[in-house]
Amino acid sequence: MNIIQCYAPTNGYNEDAKDQFYNRLQSIIEKCQTKDLTILMGDFNANVGTDNTGYENIMGRHELGERNENGERFANLCAFNKLVIGGTIFPHKRIHKTTWTSPDHTTQNQIDHICINKKFRRTMEDVRIKRGADIASHHHLLAAKMKMKLKKHWTTGRTISQNFNMAFLQDTNKFKLVLSNKFQAGLRKDIFCTEQISILRIIVEQTIEWNSSPYINFIDYEKAFHSVNRTTLWKLLRHYGVPQKIVNIIQNSYDRLHCKIVYKGQLKKSFEIKTGIRQGCLLSPFLFLLVIDWIMKTSTSERKQGIQWTSRMQFDYLDFADDLALLSQTQQQMQEKTTSVAAASAAVGLNIHKRRSRILGYNTVCTNPVTIEGEDFGDVITFIYLGSIIGEHGGSDADVKARIGKARAAYLQLKNIWNSKQLSTNTKVRIFNTNVKSVLQYGAETWRTTKAIIQKIQVFINSCLRKILQIRWPDTISNNVLWDKTNQIPVEEEIRKKRWKWIGHTLRKAHNCVTRQALTWNPQGHWRRVRPKNTLRREMETDIRKMNKNWMELGK
């Protein structure tokens, strides 16, 4: 397959430049073998028009405008090389043909083209523009749909020599960097927000049940990605074993980085960016995790200021990217840990946002506030961690209420879709499942469900589905009929399936995985001599007993 991408001179350009371009393009096409698939595409600044007289073999009549000089040159090139102009042979609305719109939105042309050699014409199924693509240009994205049957390549079986050259593997090991911190979950493979939320919920529920009294400090950084000190970052890369050559390459990509701002329609002067890491860069998540990893290892590795997790390990914090939750058993330990984290963060340019960081305490007696630089961290009874509400009394009532509110807002934003006469009911229900129910059931795997919670969720879902089906009073149908028409299952069963999918994912992890350990963890303390409340773990254990299983058997 040969793909030729090009940009042609505009119609008003001088003739010498045009001749030079098309001569060079002709020489490139001639180098392609006729038996191969050849695709020619790009901005040719050429209108070929609707009149295909004399060019019936290489173009249709589904084009915009009239042929200009560039269009004549382009059509002659395609005819000479037997290249079919794809945009002219497929009928589409005008809006799906226009590839370029003038800056004042008064002129529209079809000047971008995708061509294919005539031998493979049948492999091209459609050519049209995709107006939804955000490409920051006056041109629209032109796309071709193709269907090809690739030839199978057969290889003769042979015995592979067992004498492998290991020298190259030694070189690759120099670039291997492992962030071994098991409490860091952000931007890592096979680790999701749900796991961090579930760990925190289990800690809260077991803490209440065993009458323990830990402190949780939710840390929030001020402009985390934009504040990292780059000089310190390059030193950390060397500290973690990254070769100096690689560090220099990364550093060169950041040096002399300038930005410009458009204010009130005017482009301002450029200014240099000396701190922070680029958002959207593939390397940025790794660099930021490295900074956070160093902060937490520096401030917690040699101190025993967390909660007892196993006989040999303490649980100091939960970390998902820059969302930190510090854990300590006493107020004094939390004060020392917070001060240590703040100092380590300041060393790499990060500052803790004192007004947005909060302390959540359980069964605590000490009323002394946690402070940094004389400023108190506020005490709260609930906090939003990774989108889920964590409260001092455990449970999921507040989180479910907030989820229903967010789902209702998402439903109302799509009101035009629900009222549309063009969309089928099946399509509307699929949109509801993906855009509304996904918002509603975020973190549902970690909920401690009750009959009241299940009823609230089910009532909301049923109400939305009845509006989608346009079933209004006095017309009524039973819930079972409603679910059959919309291919739904009871929300209690749906949440249970999500939970067991998450449990299966967790039990397949290693035995030293924090999420797996949380399923059987109990804090230090005394069992409260009252009727125990229902917990997430107790719900899971009830389901396990119905299967005549236990955690040990499921983990095998």
Protein backbone atom coordinates (compact mmCIF):
# COMPACT_ATOMS: atom_id res chain seq x y z
CA MET A 1 0.00 0.00 0.00
CA ASN A 2 1.27 3.46 -0.94
CA ILE A 3 -0.11 6.60 0.70
CA ILE A 4 0.83 9.99 -0.77
CA GLN A 5 -0.10 13.02 1.34
CA CYS A 6 0.42 16.44 -0.21
CA TYR A 7 -0.46 20.14 -0.13
CA ALA A 8 -0.84 21.94 -3.47
CA PRO A 9 -0.30 25.65 -4.22
CA THR A 10 -3.41 27.81 -4.17
CA ASN A 11 -5.19 28.77 -7.37
CA GLY A 12 -3.67 32.26 -7.37
CA TYR A 13 -0.06 31.00 -7.07
CA ASN A 14 2.42 31.53 -9.94
CA GLU A 15 2.47 28.99 -12.78
CA ASP A 16 6.09 27.92 -12.23
CA ALA A 17 5.35 26.79 -8.68
CA LYS A 18 2.31 24.85 -9.86
CA ASP A 19 4.27 23.15 -12.65
CA GLN A 20 7.03 22.23 -10.23
CA PHE A 21 4.54 20.75 -7.74
CA TYR A 22 2.63 18.61 -10.25
CA ASN A 23 5.83 17.42 -11.97
CA ARG A 24 7.24 16.30 -8.65
CA LEU A 25 3.94 14.66 -7.69
CA GLN A 26 3.87 12.83 -11.05
CA SER A 27 7.36 11.46 -10.47
CA ILE A 28 6.34 10.16 -7.03
CA ILE A 29 3.22 8.44 -8.40
CA GLU A 30 5.27 6.79 -11.16
CA LYS A 31 7.46 5.14 -8.52
CA CYS A 32 4.41 3.28 -7.16
CA GLN A 33 3.81 -0.13 -8.74
CA THR A 34 0.48 -0.49 -10.54
CA LYS A 35 -0.29 -3.74 -8.73
CA ASP A 36 -0.18 -1.98 -5.36
CA LEU A 37 -2.96 -0.01 -3.68
CA THR A 38 -2.17 3.70 -4.03
CA ILE A 39 -4.00 6.44 -2.12
CA LEU A 40 -3.43 10.10 -3.00
CA MET A 41 -4.88 12.62 -0.57
CA GLY A 42 -4.46 16.11 0.72
CA ASP A 43 -5.38 19.76 0.24
CA PHE A 44 -5.14 20.28 -3.53
CA ASN A 45 -6.91 23.68 -3.54
CA ALA A 46 -8.74 22.29 -6.56
CA ASN A 47 -12.42 22.49 -7.51
CA VAL A 48 -13.10 19.77 -10.09
CA GLY A 49 -16.78 20.73 -10.55
CA THR A 50 -19.83 18.65 -11.44
CA ASP A 51 -19.13 18.35 -15.15
CA ASN A 52 -17.27 15.06 -15.65
CA THR A 53 -17.34 15.07 -19.44
CA GLY A 54 -14.19 13.37 -20.63
CA TYR A 55 -13.38 12.23 -17.09
CA GLU A 56 -16.14 9.65 -16.57
CA ASN A 57 -13.63 6.93 -15.69
CA ILE A 58 -12.09 8.79 -12.75
CA MET A 59 -14.81 11.04 -11.32
CA GLY A 60 -18.55 11.29 -10.75
CA ARG A 61 -20.91 14.24 -10.72
CA HIS A 62 -21.31 14.64 -6.95
CA GLU A 63 -19.02 17.65 -6.54
CA LEU A 64 -19.50 21.27 -5.52
CA GLY A 65 -18.91 24.40 -7.61
CA GLU A 66 -17.23 24.79 -10.98
CA ARG A 67 -13.84 23.56 -12.10
CA ASN A 68 -11.00 26.06 -11.68
CA GLU A 69 -7.46 26.03 -13.09
CA ASN A 70 -6.14 23.92 -10.23
CA GLY A 71 -9.09 21.58 -10.73
CA GLU A 72 -8.14 21.14 -14.39
CA ARG A 73 -4.56 20.28 -13.47
CA PHE A 74 -5.70 17.89 -10.74
CA ALA A 75 -8.26 16.12 -12.98
CA ASN A 76 -5.64 15.67 -15.73
CA LEU A 77 -3.19 14.19 -13.21
CA CYS A 78 -5.80 11.70 -11.95
CA ALA A 79 -6.89 10.76 -15.49
CA PHE A 80 -3.29 10.16 -16.62
CA ASN A 81 -2.58 7.91 -13.60
CA LYS A 82 -6.05 6.30 -13.44
CA LEU A 83 -6.80 7.66 -9.96
CA VAL A 84 -10.49 7.85 -9.01
CA ILE A 85 -11.50 11.04 -7.11
CA GLY A 86 -13.48 9.60 -4.19
CA GLY A 87 -15.40 12.72 -3.16
CA THR A 88 -17.13 12.93 -6.56
CA ILE A 89 -18.64 9.43 -6.71
CA PHE A 90 -20.59 9.29 -3.43
CA PRO A 91 -23.80 11.36 -3.09
CA HIS A 92 -24.00 13.42 0.11
CA LYS A 93 -25.63 16.55 1.40
CA ARG A 94 -23.76 19.80 0.75
CA ILE A 95 -22.84 20.06 4.42
CA HIS A 96 -21.02 16.72 4.14
CA LYS A 97 -19.10 17.73 1.01
CA THR A 98 -17.72 21.13 2.01
CA THR A 99 -14.09 20.60 3.05
CA TRP A 100 -13.16 24.28 3.49
CA THR A 101 -15.01 27.32 4.83
CA SER A 102 -13.63 30.84 4.55
CA PRO A 103 -12.85 32.70 7.80
CA ASP A 104 -15.88 34.98 7.28
CA HIS A 105 -18.10 31.88 6.70
CA THR A 106 -19.35 33.22 3.34
CA THR A 107 -17.50 30.87 0.95
CA GLN A 108 -17.51 27.08 0.96
CA ASN A 109 -15.50 24.83 -1.35
CA GLN A 110 -14.64 21.19 -1.89
CA ILE A 111 -10.89 21.47 -2.37
CA ASP A 112 -9.58 18.52 -0.29
CA HIS A 113 -9.64 15.13 -1.98
CA ILE A 114 -8.93 11.45 -1.43
CA CYS A 115 -8.11 9.43 -4.58
CA ILE A 116 -7.51 5.73 -5.15
CA ASN A 117 -6.16 3.85 -8.16
CA LYS A 118 -8.94 2.47 -10.33
CA LYS A 119 -7.93 -1.16 -9.79
CA PHE A 120 -8.96 -0.88 -6.13
CA ARG A 121 -12.00 1.37 -6.66
CA ARG A 122 -14.39 -1.20 -5.13
CA THR A 123 -12.53 -1.18 -1.83
CA MET A 124 -13.62 2.42 -1.21
CA GLU A 125 -17.11 2.46 0.33
CA ASP A 126 -17.57 6.15 1.17
CA VAL A 127 -15.85 9.55 1.28
CA ARG A 128 -17.26 12.42 3.34
CA ILE A 129 -16.23 15.03 5.87
CA LYS A 130 -16.50 14.61 9.65
CA ARG A 131 -17.62 17.97 10.99
CA GLY A 132 -17.38 16.94 14.63
CA ALA A 133 -13.58 16.64 14.57
CA ASP A 134 -11.90 19.54 16.42
CA ILE A 135 -8.79 20.21 14.29
CA ALA A 136 -8.46 23.99 14.82
CA SER A 137 -8.60 24.79 11.10
CA HIS A 138 -10.89 26.24 8.46
CA HIS A 139 -10.74 22.81 6.84
CA HIS A 140 -12.96 19.93 7.93
CA LEU A 141 -11.68 16.40 8.44
CA LEU A 142 -12.13 14.38 5.23
CA ALA A 143 -12.40 10.63 5.81
CA ALA A 144 -12.68 7.62 3.51
CA LYS A 145 -14.24 4.31 4.48
CA MET A 146 -12.50 1.31 2.95
CA LYS A 147 -12.92 -2.43 3.16
CA MET A 148 -10.04 -4.70 2.17
CA LYS A 149 -9.30 -8.38 2.40
CA LEU A 150 -5.67 -8.77 3.38
CA LYS A 151 -3.60 -11.58 1.95
CA LYS A 152 -2.51 -14.28 4.38
CA HIS A 153 1.21 -14.80 4.67
CA TRP A 154 2.32 -18.37 5.32
CA THR A 155 5.62 -19.19 6.95
CA THR A 156 7.43 -22.51 6.87
CA GLY A 157 7.92 -24.09 10.27
CA ARG A 158 11.49 -24.33 11.49
CA THR A 159 13.38 -24.89 14.71
CA ILE A 160 14.52 -21.67 16.37
CA SER A 161 18.06 -21.55 17.63
CA GLN A 162 18.33 -21.40 21.41
CA ASN A 163 21.46 -19.23 21.31
CA PHE A 164 20.02 -15.81 22.14
CA ASN A 165 22.06 -12.63 22.25
CA MET A 166 21.33 -11.08 25.69
CA ALA A 167 23.47 -7.96 25.20
CA PHE A 168 20.56 -5.88 23.86
CA LEU A 169 18.33 -6.89 26.78
CA GLN A 170 20.91 -5.48 29.19
CA ASP A 171 20.63 -2.11 27.46
CA THR A 172 16.83 -2.04 27.76
CA ASN A 173 17.02 -2.80 31.48
CA LYS A 174 18.73 0.55 31.98
CA PHE A 175 15.45 2.26 31.10
CA LYS A 176 13.32 0.14 33.43
CA LEU A 177 11.87 2.20 36.29
CA VAL A 178 9.50 0.67 38.85
CA LEU A 179 7.34 2.74 41.17
CA SER A 180 6.85 0.06 43.82
CA ASN A 181 4.55 2.11 46.03
CA LYS A 182 1.46 -0.08 46.49
CA PHE A 183 -0.61 2.81 47.90
CA GLN A 184 -0.29 4.84 44.68
CA ALA A 185 -3.12 3.93 42.29
CA GLY A 186 -3.34 6.85 39.91
CA LEU A 187 -2.62 6.41 36.19
CA ARG A 188 -1.55 2.77 36.62
CA LYS A 189 -2.64 -0.28 34.67
CA ASP A 190 -5.60 -2.31 36.02
CA ILE A 191 -6.13 0.04 38.99
CA PHE A 192 -9.28 2.16 39.07
CA CYS A 193 -10.98 4.81 41.21
CA THR A 194 -13.41 2.18 42.50
CA GLU A 195 -10.62 0.35 44.32
CA GLN A 196 -9.48 3.44 46.23
CA ILE A 197 -13.07 4.34 47.13
CA SER A 198 -13.81 0.79 48.33
CA ILE A 199 -10.69 0.72 50.54
CA LEU A 200 -11.66 4.01 52.16
CA ARG A 201 -15.27 2.91 52.70
CA ILE A 202 -14.19 -0.37 54.29
CA ILE A 203 -11.76 1.48 56.57
CA VAL A 204 -14.53 3.85 57.68
CA GLU A 205 -17.12 1.11 58.24
CA GLN A 206 -14.73 -1.22 60.11
CA THR A 207 -13.43 1.70 62.17
CA ILE A 208 -16.96 2.49 63.37
CA GLU A 209 -17.73 -1.18 64.04
CA TRP A 210 -14.55 -1.77 66.06
CA ASN A 211 -14.80 1.57 67.89
CA SER A 212 -11.44 2.77 66.59
CA SER A 213 -10.57 6.45 66.22
CA PRO A 214 -8.38 7.25 63.19
CA TYR A 215 -7.90 10.59 61.45
CA ILE A 216 -8.13 11.06 57.68
CA ASN A 217 -6.61 14.15 56.08
CA PHE A 218 -7.75 14.88 52.52
CA ILE A 219 -4.90 16.82 50.93
CA ASP A 220 -5.51 19.20 48.03
CA TYR A 221 -2.63 20.82 46.15
CA GLU A 222 -2.72 24.28 44.60
CA LYS A 223 -2.32 23.99 40.80
CA ALA A 224 -0.43 20.73 41.17
CA PHE A 225 0.55 20.12 37.53
CA HIS A 226 1.58 23.75 36.99
CA SER A 227 3.71 24.12 40.12
CA VAL A 228 6.30 21.33 39.89
CA ASN A 229 9.84 22.69 40.14
CA ARG A 230 11.58 21.45 37.00
CA THR A 231 15.12 21.69 38.38
CA THR A 232 14.15 19.36 41.21
CA LEU A 233 12.30 17.10 38.77
CA TRP A 234 15.45 16.50 36.69
CA LYS A 235 17.33 15.58 39.88
CA LEU A 236 14.57 13.15 40.87
CA LEU A 237 14.81 11.43 37.49
CA ARG A 238 18.50 10.81 38.11
CA HIS A 239 17.72 9.73 41.70
CA TYR A 240 15.33 7.07 40.34
CA GLY A 241 17.97 5.75 37.95
CA VAL A 242 16.98 7.37 34.66
CA PRO A 243 20.12 7.76 32.47
CA GLN A 244 21.45 11.28 32.11
CA LYS A 245 21.02 11.08 28.33
CA ILE A 246 17.27 10.50 28.70
CA VAL A 247 17.02 13.24 31.33
CA ASN A 248 18.69 15.68 28.91
CA ILE A 249 16.20 14.78 26.17
CA ILE A 250 13.24 15.41 28.49
CA GLN A 251 14.81 18.62 29.78
CA ASN A 252 15.40 19.93 26.25
CA SER A 253 11.72 19.41 25.42
CA TYR A 254 10.81 21.73 28.32
CA ASP A 255 13.52 24.39 27.95
CA ARG A 256 12.50 27.72 26.41
CA LEU A 257 8.83 26.73 26.40
CA HIS A 258 6.65 29.77 25.57
CA CYS A 259 2.90 30.35 25.57
CA LYS A 260 0.58 32.99 24.17
CA ILE A 261 -2.86 34.04 25.42
CA VAL A 262 -5.79 35.23 23.34
CA TYR A 263 -7.59 37.95 25.32
CA LYS A 264 -10.68 39.69 23.89
CA GLY A 265 -9.87 38.42 20.44
CA GLN A 266 -6.27 39.66 20.49
CA LEU A 267 -3.16 37.47 20.68
CA LYS A 268 -0.88 38.76 23.43
CA LYS A 269 2.90 38.60 23.64
CA SER A 270 4.48 35.24 24.41
CA PHE A 271 5.89 34.48 27.85
CA GLU A 272 8.15 31.70 29.08
CA ILE A 273 6.82 28.86 31.26
CA LYS A 274 9.47 27.90 33.83
CA THR A 275 7.51 25.62 36.19
CA GLY A 276 5.10 22.71 35.91
CA ILE A 277 4.69 19.86 33.48
CA ARG A 278 2.69 19.83 30.26
CA GLN A 279 -0.86 18.55 30.52
CA GLY A 280 -1.79 16.21 27.69
CA CYS A 281 1.78 15.01 27.13
CA LEU A 282 2.18 11.22 27.28
CA LEU A 283 5.17 11.58 29.58
CA SER A 284 3.50 13.96 32.06
CA PRO A 285 1.60 11.32 34.13
CA PHE A 286 4.83 9.41 34.70
CA LEU A 287 6.71 12.56 35.74
CA PHE A 288 3.96 13.64 38.13
CA LEU A 289 3.67 10.18 39.71
CA LEU A 290 7.41 10.18 40.23
CA VAL A 291 7.16 13.49 42.13
CA ILE A 292 4.27 12.28 44.32
CA ASP A 293 6.02 8.96 44.91
CA TRP A 294 9.12 10.74 46.17
CA ILE A 295 7.06 13.04 48.42
CA MET A 296 5.25 10.15 50.11
CA LYS A 297 8.30 7.92 50.46
CA THR A 298 10.31 10.79 51.93
CA SER A 299 7.65 11.79 54.43
CA THR A 300 6.31 8.37 55.54
CA SER A 301 8.85 5.61 54.90
CA GLU A 302 10.77 5.81 58.20
CA ARG A 303 7.89 6.79 60.51
CA LYS A 304 5.14 4.69 62.02
CA GLN A 305 2.30 7.19 61.88
CA GLY A 306 -0.37 5.27 59.95
CA ILE A 307 -3.03 2.75 60.94
CA GLN A 308 -2.06 -0.85 61.57
CA TRP A 309 -2.84 -2.80 58.39
CA THR A 310 -1.04 -6.10 58.83
CA SER A 311 1.23 -7.42 61.54
CA ARG A 312 4.23 -5.99 59.70
CA MET A 313 2.81 -3.08 57.73
CA GLN A 314 1.15 0.23 58.44
CA PHE A 315 -1.27 1.98 56.10
CA ASP A 316 -0.11 5.59 55.77
CA TYR A 317 -2.14 7.03 52.92
CA LEU A 318 -4.26 6.47 49.83
CA ASP A 319 -3.11 8.15 46.66
CA PHE A 320 -4.73 8.49 43.24
CA ALA A 321 -2.63 10.94 41.21
CA ASP A 322 -2.81 14.18 43.28
CA ASP A 323 -5.82 13.08 45.40
CA LEU A 324 -4.17 12.20 48.73
CA ALA A 325 -5.81 10.83 51.85
CA LEU A 326 -3.42 10.62 54.82
CA LEU A 327 -4.32 8.19 57.62
CA SER A 328 -3.14 8.27 61.24
CA GLN A 329 -4.32 6.83 64.52
CA THR A 330 -3.91 9.97 66.66
CA GLN A 331 -4.07 13.74 66.22
CA GLN A 332 -0.37 14.11 67.06
CA GLN A 333 0.64 11.57 64.42
CA MET A 334 -1.55 13.30 61.86
CA GLN A 335 0.00 16.68 62.72
CA GLU A 336 3.53 15.31 62.31
CA LYS A 337 2.68 13.51 59.06
CA THR A 338 0.95 16.56 57.57
CA THR A 339 3.91 18.78 58.44
CA SER A 340 6.32 16.27 56.89
CA VAL A 341 4.26 15.96 53.69
CA ALA A 342 3.97 19.74 53.41
CA ALA A 343 7.76 20.16 53.73
CA ALA A 344 8.50 17.43 51.15
CA SER A 345 5.91 18.93 48.79
CA ALA A 346 7.38 22.41 49.11
CA ALA A 347 10.80 21.00 48.16
CA VAL A 348 9.43 20.07 44.71
CA GLY A 349 7.34 23.23 44.29
CA LEU A 350 3.93 21.93 45.42
CA ASN A 351 1.87 23.82 47.99
CA ILE A 352 -0.97 22.35 50.03
CA HIS A 353 -4.23 24.30 49.67
CA LYS A 354 -5.02 24.91 53.33
CA ARG A 355 -8.59 26.09 52.80
CA ARG A 356 -9.56 23.10 50.66
CA SER A 357 -7.76 20.38 52.62
CA ARG A 358 -9.98 18.83 55.31
CA ILE A 359 -9.73 16.55 58.35
CA LEU A 360 -12.25 13.76 58.93
CA GLY A 361 -12.13 12.19 62.40
CA TYR A 362 -13.93 9.13 63.82
CA ASN A 363 -14.73 8.71 67.52
CA THR A 364 -12.00 11.25 68.24
CA VAL A 365 -11.51 12.80 71.68
CA CYS A 366 -8.74 15.31 70.96
CA THR A 367 -10.14 18.61 69.67
CA ASN A 368 -6.79 20.21 68.75
CA PRO A 369 -6.80 21.22 65.06
CA VAL A 370 -4.18 20.10 62.55
CA THR A 371 -2.28 23.17 61.35
CA ILE A 372 0.31 24.22 58.78
CA GLU A 373 2.13 27.53 59.18
CA GLY A 374 -0.35 28.53 61.87
CA GLU A 375 -3.40 27.97 59.66
CA ASP A 376 -5.95 25.35 60.74
CA PHE A 377 -7.29 22.56 58.56
CA GLY A 378 -11.07 22.55 58.84
CA ASP A 379 -12.87 19.56 60.38
CA VAL A 380 -15.72 18.12 58.29
CA ILE A 381 -18.25 15.32 58.67
CA THR A 382 -18.28 14.44 54.95
CA PHE A 383 -15.80 14.74 52.12
CA ILE A 384 -15.86 14.02 48.38
CA TYR A 385 -13.03 11.66 47.46
CA LEU A 386 -12.67 10.71 43.77
CA GLY A 387 -16.27 11.72 43.16
CA SER A 388 -17.80 9.73 46.05
CA ILE A 389 -18.97 11.17 49.36
CA ILE A 390 -17.25 9.71 52.43
CA GLY A 391 -19.03 10.47 55.71
CA GLU A 392 -18.11 10.10 59.39
CA HIS A 393 -20.99 7.67 59.99
CA GLY A 394 -20.18 5.45 57.02
CA GLY A 395 -23.00 4.34 54.76
CA SER A 396 -23.91 5.47 51.28
CA ASP A 397 -27.05 7.58 51.75
CA ALA A 398 -25.36 10.92 51.06
CA ASP A 399 -23.46 9.55 48.07
CA VAL A 400 -26.60 7.97 46.55
CA LYS A 401 -28.50 11.24 47.00
CA ALA A 402 -25.73 13.14 45.22
CA ARG A 403 -25.57 10.54 42.43
CA ILE A 404 -29.30 10.82 41.80
CA GLY A 405 -28.95 14.61 41.59
CA LYS A 406 -26.10 14.36 39.06
CA ALA A 407 -27.97 11.74 37.04
CA ARG A 408 -31.09 13.92 36.98
CA ALA A 409 -29.01 16.83 35.65
CA ALA A 410 -27.56 14.57 32.95
CA TYR A 411 -31.06 13.39 32.04
CA LEU A 412 -32.41 16.93 31.72
CA GLN A 413 -29.51 17.98 29.48
CA LEU A 414 -30.63 15.32 26.99
CA LYS A 415 -34.27 16.42 26.98
CA ASN A 416 -34.22 17.05 23.22
CA ILE A 417 -33.18 13.46 22.63
CA TRP A 418 -35.98 12.03 24.77
CA ASN A 419 -38.53 14.18 22.88
CA SER A 420 -37.12 13.40 19.44
CA LYS A 421 -39.46 11.76 16.93
CA GLN A 422 -36.61 10.59 14.70
CA LEU A 423 -34.86 8.37 17.26
CA SER A 424 -36.21 4.93 18.09
CA THR A 425 -37.00 3.86 21.64
CA ASN A 426 -34.15 1.37 21.55
CA THR A 427 -31.67 4.14 20.69
CA LYS A 428 -33.01 6.39 23.46
CA VAL A 429 -32.69 3.59 26.03
CA ARG A 430 -29.11 2.92 24.96
CA ILE A 431 -28.29 6.62 25.35
CA PHE A 432 -29.98 6.55 28.77
CA ASN A 433 -27.87 3.57 29.85
CA THR A 434 -24.59 5.10 28.75
CA ASN A 435 -25.13 8.75 29.70
CA VAL A 436 -27.47 8.68 32.69
CA LYS A 437 -27.20 5.30 34.39
CA SER A 438 -23.40 5.42 34.21
CA VAL A 439 -23.51 8.69 36.17
CA LEU A 440 -26.07 7.30 38.59
CA GLN A 441 -24.19 4.07 39.36
CA TYR A 442 -20.66 5.46 39.59
CA GLY A 443 -19.07 3.74 42.59
CA ALA A 444 -22.15 1.54 43.16
CA GLU A 445 -19.85 -1.44 43.77
CA THR A 446 -18.83 0.17 47.05
CA TRP A 447 -22.29 1.12 48.33
CA ARG A 448 -23.77 -0.28 51.51
CA THR A 449 -27.25 -0.73 50.13
CA THR A 450 -30.49 -0.70 52.08
CA LYS A 451 -34.10 -1.14 50.99
CA ALA A 452 -34.58 2.63 51.12
CA ILE A 453 -31.52 3.25 48.91
CA ILE A 454 -32.57 0.62 46.38
CA GLN A 455 -36.07 2.08 46.26
CA LYS A 456 -34.81 5.64 45.66
CA ILE A 457 -32.62 4.54 42.78
CA GLN A 458 -35.32 2.33 41.26
CA VAL A 459 -37.95 5.07 41.48
CA PHE A 460 -35.64 7.48 39.64
CA ILE A 461 -34.84 4.98 36.88
CA ASN A 462 -38.50 3.99 36.43
CA SER A 463 -39.53 7.63 36.25
CA CYS A 464 -36.98 8.36 33.52
CA LEU A 465 -37.93 5.29 31.51
CA ARG A 466 -41.64 6.15 31.65
CA LYS A 467 -40.87 9.64 30.34
CA ILE A 468 -38.76 8.18 27.54
CA LEU A 469 -41.64 5.87 26.59
CA GLN A 470 -44.04 8.84 26.98
CA ILE A 471 -46.23 6.96 29.43
CA ARG A 472 -48.19 9.58 31.33
CA TRP A 473 -51.08 9.49 33.80
CA PRO A 474 -53.71 8.08 33.57
CA ASP A 475 -51.90 5.53 31.35
CA THR A 476 -50.07 3.01 33.52
CA ILE A 477 -47.98 -0.12 33.08
CA SER A 478 -46.36 -2.36 35.68
CA ASN A 479 -42.64 -2.14 36.42
CA ASN A 480 -42.06 -5.62 34.98
CA VAL A 481 -43.63 -4.62 31.67
CA LEU A 482 -41.61 -1.39 31.71
CA TRP A 483 -38.36 -3.34 32.24
CA ASP A 484 -39.24 -5.81 29.47
CA LYS A 485 -39.87 -2.99 26.99
CA THR A 486 -36.59 -1.26 27.83
CA ASN A 487 -34.48 -4.40 28.39
CA GLN A 488 -33.73 -3.52 32.03
CA ILE A 489 -33.18 -5.59 35.17
CA PRO A 490 -34.00 -4.59 38.77
CA VAL A 491 -31.43 -2.14 40.08
CA GLU A 492 -30.67 -4.34 43.11
CA GLU A 493 -29.61 -7.16 40.80
CA GLU A 494 -27.66 -4.75 38.61
CA ILE A 495 -25.67 -3.38 41.55
CA ARG A 496 -25.01 -6.92 42.79
CA LYS A 497 -23.61 -7.89 39.38
CA LYS A 498 -21.34 -4.82 39.34
CA ARG A 499 -20.16 -5.63 42.85
CA TRP A 500 -19.33 -9.24 42.05
CA LYS A 501 -17.54 -8.21 38.90
CA TRP A 502 -15.40 -5.94 41.06
CA ILE A 503 -14.88 -8.68 43.68
CA GLY A 504 -13.73 -11.11 40.99
CA HIS A 505 -11.32 -8.48 39.67
CA THR A 506 -9.99 -7.96 43.20
CA LEU A 507 -9.59 -11.64 44.08
CA ARG A 508 -7.52 -12.21 40.95
CA LYS A 509 -4.92 -9.78 42.26
CA ALA A 510 -1.86 -10.78 44.28
CA HIS A 511 -2.29 -11.66 47.97
CA ASN A 512 -0.32 -8.58 49.05
CA CYS A 513 -2.61 -6.23 47.08
CA VAL A 514 -4.06 -3.57 49.40
CA THR A 515 -7.56 -3.83 47.87
CA ARG A 516 -7.62 -7.59 48.46
CA GLN A 517 -6.31 -7.23 52.00
CA ALA A 518 -9.10 -4.74 52.74
CA LEU A 519 -11.71 -7.50 52.29
CA THR A 520 -10.53 -9.19 55.50
CA TRP A 521 -8.95 -6.28 57.43
CA ASN A 522 -10.05 -5.37 60.97
CA PRO A 523 -8.69 -2.37 62.91
CA GLN A 524 -7.29 -2.29 66.40
CA GLY A 525 -10.05 -1.64 68.90
CA HIS A 526 -12.98 -3.22 70.74
CA TRP A 527 -16.18 -4.56 69.24
CA ARG A 528 -19.11 -2.31 70.06
CA ARG A 529 -21.71 -4.14 72.17
CA VAL A 530 -24.62 -2.96 70.09
CA ARG A 531 -26.49 -4.39 67.15
CA PRO A 532 -23.97 -4.12 64.30
CA LYS A 533 -24.89 -2.00 61.33
CA ASN A 534 -24.90 -3.44 57.87
CA THR A 535 -21.62 -2.87 56.01
CA LEU A 536 -20.33 -3.41 52.51
CA ARG A 537 -18.28 -6.38 53.66
CA ARG A 538 -21.20 -7.88 55.53
CA GLU A 539 -23.35 -7.67 52.39
CA MET A 540 -20.66 -9.44 50.40
CA GLU A 541 -20.23 -12.11 53.09
CA THR A 542 -24.00 -12.73 53.11
CA ASP A 543 -23.91 -13.40 49.37
CA ILE A 544 -20.89 -15.67 49.85
CA ARG A 545 -22.69 -17.75 52.50
CA LYS A 546 -25.61 -18.22 50.10
CA MET A 547 -23.07 -19.82 47.76
CA ASN A 548 -21.68 -21.99 50.64
CA LYS A 549 -18.29 -20.34 50.17
CA ASN A 550 -15.87 -18.17 52.16
CA TRP A 551 -13.15 -15.66 51.32
CA MET A 552 -10.42 -18.32 51.45
CA GLU A 553 -12.23 -20.57 48.97
CA LEU A 554 -13.07 -17.71 46.60
CA GLY A 555 -9.47 -16.52 46.63
CA LYS A 556 -8.13 -19.84 45.36
